[in-house]
Amino acid sequence: MTGHVPRPKLAVWKFASCDGCQLTLLDCQDELLALAEQVEIAHFPEASRADVEGPYDVSLVEGSVTTPEDAERIQRVRAQSRALITIGACATAGGVQALRNFADVAEFRAAVYARPEYVATLATSTPIADHVPVDFELRGCPIDKRQLLELITALLAGRKPQIPAHSVCEECKRRGTACVMVAHGTPCLGPVTQAGCGAICPAYGRGCYGCFGPVAEPNTAALIPRLRQLGMDRVFATFNVAAPGFRAARDEPADGAVSPPPPRSRPPGRPR
């Protein structure tokens, strides 16, 4: 008679975010039930009261680091996790809240809160990888359900996740969608944005907003003049404003010169 083999422990953690990426996991529905048979969901406050102590085999982390408490807590999460996966634009690039990185956070705090002296915050909103080693980044605002299931399945099977690194433009070609920028003059970030959504916006006649962040080497210098011709000047200041490939493009001067992005230890969305 064989002994009981414990299931891998899965933990889901929230930092500064809107919870959309955690809701994507809950939206897996039938697939989530099958997943629950393969793993022990040890910590997931969005879905369960269960709170099993670590260590954890896999930790999924949503959200950015925005407070001193966050900076301390992510160290504890990393220490308890065999594999740490960041999910969503907030966790992988600082999120839309990283707009604070380019302004005076004290001024923002005073404008928003009646008693700002009681609000403890950092001057920046930073991705998890700026604080601890990350084993894999899953992009998106929010993440894609299919990519999430592929990632978890790959981890359970001990293989490399098959997550695309090509641009949204390639997805448009695959589904037969005419280029909205060429055909209709609609500003679109598809040429410099990593695939993952299935090119939903262009399929409905809208330009890509860069939800999945920049491809490994985005040619923003070639794209920005055309975006300006079409009336879009600060199109990069959205979900992934602080992502290395978009950060330099955000403050590109009017003459079109673009400063190179800071070096990154790994291509976006790839394992370390």
Protein backbone atom coordinates (compact mmCIF):
# COMPACT_ATOMS: atom_id res chain seq x y z
CA MET A 1 0.00 0.00 0.00
CA THR A 2 1.52 3.30 -1.06
CA GLY A 3 1.71 6.26 1.26
CA HIS A 4 -0.14 9.53 0.79
CA VAL A 5 1.69 11.95 -1.50
CA PRO A 6 1.08 15.55 -0.43
CA ARG A 7 -0.20 17.91 -3.09
CA PRO A 8 1.91 20.96 -4.00
CA LYS A 9 0.97 24.03 -1.99
CA LEU A 10 -0.26 27.06 -3.96
CA ALA A 11 -0.46 30.52 -2.40
CA VAL A 12 -1.88 33.70 -3.93
CA TRP A 13 -0.78 37.06 -2.53
CA LYS A 14 -2.10 40.58 -3.05
CA PHE A 15 -0.09 43.79 -2.95
CA ALA A 16 -1.13 47.18 -4.43
CA SER A 17 -3.58 46.27 -7.19
CA CYS A 18 -7.22 46.16 -8.23
CA ASP A 19 -7.63 42.36 -7.73
CA GLY A 20 -8.35 41.87 -11.44
CA CYS A 21 -5.64 39.25 -11.92
CA GLN A 22 -6.84 37.22 -8.94
CA LEU A 23 -10.36 37.39 -10.37
CA THR A 24 -8.97 35.95 -13.61
CA LEU A 25 -7.92 32.89 -11.63
CA LEU A 26 -11.40 32.62 -10.10
CA ASP A 27 -12.91 33.04 -13.58
CA CYS A 28 -11.25 29.77 -14.61
CA GLN A 29 -14.30 28.05 -13.06
CA ASP A 30 -14.28 24.42 -14.25
CA GLU A 31 -10.53 24.51 -14.81
CA LEU A 32 -10.07 25.82 -11.26
CA LEU A 33 -11.96 22.84 -9.87
CA ALA A 34 -9.64 20.50 -11.75
CA LEU A 35 -6.65 22.49 -10.52
CA ALA A 36 -7.86 22.23 -6.93
CA GLU A 37 -7.62 18.44 -7.23
CA GLN A 38 -3.93 18.73 -8.17
CA VAL A 39 -2.78 21.34 -5.67
CA GLU A 40 -3.56 22.46 -2.15
CA ILE A 41 -4.72 26.08 -2.23
CA ALA A 42 -2.98 27.04 0.99
CA HIS A 43 -3.43 30.82 0.95
CA PHE A 44 -5.87 32.74 -1.26
CA PRO A 45 -7.95 35.27 0.75
CA GLU A 46 -9.93 36.27 -2.36
CA ALA A 47 -11.35 32.75 -2.58
CA SER A 48 -10.92 30.93 0.72
CA ARG A 49 -10.57 31.37 4.47
CA ALA A 50 -7.94 28.65 4.51
CA ASP A 51 -4.54 29.88 5.65
CA VAL A 52 -2.04 27.04 5.71
CA GLU A 53 1.47 27.84 6.83
CA GLY A 54 4.34 27.68 4.36
CA PRO A 55 6.63 26.83 2.81
CA TYR A 56 4.74 27.01 -0.49
CA ASP A 57 5.64 25.27 -3.73
CA VAL A 58 4.25 28.09 -5.87
CA SER A 59 3.32 31.64 -4.94
CA LEU A 60 1.37 33.85 -7.35
CA VAL A 61 1.87 37.52 -6.50
CA GLU A 62 -0.43 40.27 -7.74
CA GLY A 63 0.29 43.96 -7.20
CA SER A 64 3.20 46.35 -6.83
CA VAL A 65 5.25 47.43 -3.84
CA THR A 66 4.00 50.86 -2.74
CA THR A 67 4.44 51.00 1.04
CA PRO A 68 7.21 50.20 3.54
CA GLU A 69 5.06 47.32 4.80
CA ASP A 70 4.84 45.93 1.25
CA ALA A 71 8.63 46.02 0.95
CA GLU A 72 8.99 43.95 4.12
CA ARG A 73 6.15 41.55 3.37
CA ILE A 74 7.41 40.56 -0.09
CA GLN A 75 10.67 39.45 1.53
CA ARG A 76 8.72 37.09 3.78
CA VAL A 77 6.69 35.76 0.84
CA ARG A 78 9.85 35.10 -1.15
CA ALA A 79 11.48 33.28 1.77
CA GLN A 80 8.48 30.91 2.02
CA SER A 81 8.13 30.22 -1.74
CA ARG A 82 9.99 27.65 -3.82
CA ALA A 83 8.76 29.38 -6.99
CA LEU A 84 7.49 32.95 -7.06
CA ILE A 85 5.43 34.05 -10.08
CA THR A 86 4.34 37.65 -10.57
CA ILE A 87 1.01 38.15 -12.34
CA GLY A 88 -0.25 41.31 -14.00
CA ALA A 89 1.05 44.75 -14.92
CA CYS A 90 1.20 45.96 -11.31
CA ALA A 91 3.43 43.09 -10.19
CA THR A 92 5.59 43.03 -13.33
CA ALA A 93 5.92 46.77 -14.07
CA GLY A 94 4.52 48.80 -11.16
CA GLY A 95 1.08 49.29 -12.73
CA VAL A 96 -0.78 52.47 -13.52
CA GLN A 97 0.01 53.64 -9.99
CA ALA A 98 3.65 53.97 -11.12
CA LEU A 99 2.64 57.32 -12.61
CA ARG A 100 3.64 58.58 -9.17
CA ASN A 101 7.24 57.70 -10.04
CA PHE A 102 7.38 60.70 -12.37
CA ALA A 103 5.88 63.29 -10.00
CA ASP A 104 5.86 64.51 -6.40
CA VAL A 105 4.14 61.79 -4.37
CA ALA A 106 3.75 64.10 -1.37
CA GLU A 107 1.74 66.49 -3.53
CA PHE A 108 -0.45 63.65 -4.77
CA ARG A 109 -1.01 62.40 -1.23
CA ALA A 110 -2.03 65.85 0.00
CA ALA A 111 -4.48 66.26 -2.88
CA VAL A 112 -6.17 62.89 -2.36
CA TYR A 113 -6.30 62.39 1.41
CA ALA A 114 -7.82 64.66 4.04
CA ARG A 115 -5.16 63.61 6.59
CA PRO A 116 -2.11 62.67 4.49
CA GLU A 117 0.10 62.46 7.57
CA TYR A 118 -1.61 59.14 8.42
CA VAL A 119 -0.84 57.60 5.02
CA ALA A 120 2.41 55.65 4.84
CA THR A 121 3.61 55.30 1.26
CA LEU A 122 6.76 55.04 -0.77
CA ALA A 123 7.73 57.63 -3.36
CA THR A 124 7.51 54.99 -6.07
CA SER A 125 5.38 52.03 -7.14
CA THR A 126 7.76 49.27 -8.18
CA PRO A 127 7.47 45.74 -9.58
CA ILE A 128 8.11 42.75 -7.34
CA ALA A 129 11.32 41.91 -9.25
CA ASP A 130 12.87 45.16 -7.99
CA HIS A 131 12.79 43.70 -4.48
CA VAL A 132 13.18 39.91 -4.67
CA PRO A 133 14.16 37.29 -7.26
CA VAL A 134 11.20 36.33 -9.47
CA ASP A 135 11.01 32.99 -11.27
CA PHE A 136 8.53 34.01 -13.98
CA GLU A 137 6.50 37.06 -14.98
CA LEU A 138 3.01 36.73 -16.43
CA ARG A 139 1.97 39.96 -18.13
CA GLY A 140 -1.37 41.65 -18.68
CA CYS A 141 -3.89 44.10 -17.26
CA PRO A 142 -5.46 41.78 -16.38
CA ILE A 143 -3.63 38.55 -17.17
CA ASP A 144 -5.03 36.14 -19.73
CA LYS A 145 -6.91 33.10 -18.41
CA ARG A 146 -5.38 30.78 -21.00
CA GLN A 147 -1.84 31.91 -20.21
CA LEU A 148 -2.44 31.47 -16.48
CA LEU A 149 -3.67 27.91 -16.93
CA GLU A 150 -0.72 27.14 -19.22
CA LEU A 151 1.69 28.50 -16.63
CA ILE A 152 0.24 26.52 -13.71
CA THR A 153 -0.02 23.35 -15.82
CA ALA A 154 3.60 23.71 -16.90
CA LEU A 155 4.75 24.18 -13.31
CA LEU A 156 2.90 21.06 -12.19
CA ALA A 157 4.35 19.08 -15.10
CA GLY A 158 7.87 20.39 -14.56
CA ARG A 159 8.19 21.89 -18.05
CA LYS A 160 8.80 25.35 -19.48
CA PRO A 161 5.63 27.45 -19.90
CA GLN A 162 4.72 28.18 -23.52
CA ILE A 163 4.01 31.91 -23.20
CA PRO A 164 4.31 33.99 -26.41
CA ALA A 165 6.89 36.74 -26.69
CA HIS A 166 5.88 38.11 -30.10
CA SER A 167 3.92 41.32 -30.66
CA VAL A 168 0.18 41.95 -30.87
CA CYS A 169 0.64 42.64 -34.60
CA GLU A 170 1.34 38.95 -35.15
CA GLU A 171 -1.90 38.04 -33.36
CA CYS A 172 -3.80 40.41 -35.68
CA LYS A 173 -2.31 38.68 -38.69
CA ARG A 174 -3.24 35.24 -37.35
CA ARG A 175 -6.88 36.16 -36.83
CA GLY A 176 -7.10 38.05 -40.13
CA THR A 177 -7.62 41.49 -38.61
CA ALA A 178 -6.73 44.44 -40.82
CA CYS A 179 -4.22 46.86 -39.27
CA VAL A 180 -6.31 49.58 -37.65
CA MET A 181 -3.47 52.08 -37.91
CA VAL A 182 -2.88 51.54 -41.62
CA ALA A 183 -6.50 51.05 -42.66
CA HIS A 184 -8.25 53.57 -40.41
CA GLY A 185 -5.59 55.85 -38.92
CA THR A 186 -6.30 54.56 -35.42
CA PRO A 187 -3.36 54.93 -32.99
CA CYS A 188 -2.20 51.47 -31.89
CA LEU A 189 0.60 50.11 -29.69
CA GLY A 190 0.39 46.66 -31.26
CA PRO A 191 3.83 46.82 -32.92
CA VAL A 192 5.61 47.25 -29.57
CA THR A 193 3.29 45.33 -27.21
CA GLN A 194 3.73 41.70 -26.19
CA ALA A 195 0.97 39.34 -27.27
CA GLY A 196 -1.37 37.66 -24.83
CA CYS A 197 -4.90 39.01 -25.22
CA GLY A 198 -5.63 37.60 -28.67
CA ALA A 199 -5.59 41.12 -30.18
CA ILE A 200 -9.07 41.83 -28.83
CA CYS A 201 -9.06 45.62 -29.26
CA PRO A 202 -7.93 45.69 -32.93
CA ALA A 203 -10.48 42.97 -33.72
CA TYR A 204 -13.18 45.46 -32.70
CA GLY A 205 -11.65 48.43 -34.51
CA ARG A 206 -9.77 49.88 -31.53
CA GLY A 207 -6.05 50.42 -31.13
CA CYS A 208 -3.96 48.39 -28.69
CA TYR A 209 -3.33 50.16 -25.36
CA GLY A 210 -0.30 48.12 -24.37
CA CYS A 211 -1.95 46.07 -21.61
CA PHE A 212 0.67 43.29 -21.84
CA GLY A 213 3.66 45.62 -21.76
CA PRO A 214 6.54 45.98 -24.19
CA VAL A 215 8.11 43.25 -26.27
CA ALA A 216 11.76 42.48 -25.50
CA GLU A 217 13.13 45.20 -27.81
CA PRO A 218 10.29 47.63 -28.64
CA ASN A 219 11.07 50.04 -31.48
CA THR A 220 9.20 52.93 -29.90
CA ALA A 221 11.39 55.47 -31.68
CA ALA A 222 9.89 54.43 -35.03
CA LEU A 223 6.33 54.29 -33.72
CA ILE A 224 6.09 57.54 -31.74
CA PRO A 225 6.21 59.96 -34.71
CA ARG A 226 3.29 58.14 -36.33
CA LEU A 227 1.31 58.15 -33.07
CA ARG A 228 1.84 61.90 -32.81
CA GLN A 229 0.63 62.39 -36.36
CA LEU A 230 -2.54 60.59 -35.31
CA GLY A 231 -3.00 62.81 -32.25
CA MET A 232 -1.72 60.48 -29.51
CA ASP A 233 1.06 62.17 -27.53
CA ARG A 234 1.28 60.41 -24.14
CA VAL A 235 -0.07 57.01 -25.09
CA PHE A 236 2.58 55.11 -23.09
CA ALA A 237 1.49 56.62 -19.76
CA THR A 238 -0.93 53.83 -18.88
CA PHE A 239 -0.82 50.36 -17.31
CA ASN A 240 2.86 49.70 -18.01
CA VAL A 241 4.21 53.26 -17.78
CA ALA A 242 7.26 52.18 -15.75
CA ALA A 243 8.11 49.08 -17.80
CA PRO A 244 11.66 49.55 -19.15
CA GLY A 245 10.59 49.42 -22.80
CA PHE A 246 7.90 52.08 -22.31
CA ARG A 247 9.48 54.23 -19.60
CA ALA A 248 11.90 56.04 -21.90
CA ALA A 249 9.22 56.50 -24.56
CA ARG A 250 6.91 58.20 -22.07
CA ASP A 251 9.19 61.24 -21.74
CA GLU A 252 10.54 61.30 -25.27
CA PRO A 253 11.31 64.91 -26.27
CA ALA A 254 9.57 66.60 -29.17
CA ASP A 255 12.57 66.20 -31.49
CA GLY A 256 11.98 62.45 -31.50
CA ALA A 257 15.15 61.39 -29.65
CA VAL A 258 14.56 58.50 -27.32
CA SER A 259 16.87 57.61 -24.46
CA PRO A 260 17.66 53.89 -24.32
CA PRO A 261 15.83 52.00 -21.56
CA PRO A 262 17.86 50.89 -18.54
CA PRO A 263 19.39 47.40 -18.77
CA ARG A 264 17.27 44.50 -17.61
CA SER A 265 18.59 41.18 -16.42
CA ARG A 266 16.10 39.15 -18.51
CA PRO A 267 13.69 39.71 -21.40
CA PRO A 268 10.19 40.73 -20.24
CA GLY A 269 7.89 37.85 -19.43
CA ARG A 270 10.67 35.24 -19.45
CA PRO A 271 11.94 33.09 -16.57
CA ARG A 272 15.14 34.09 -14.86
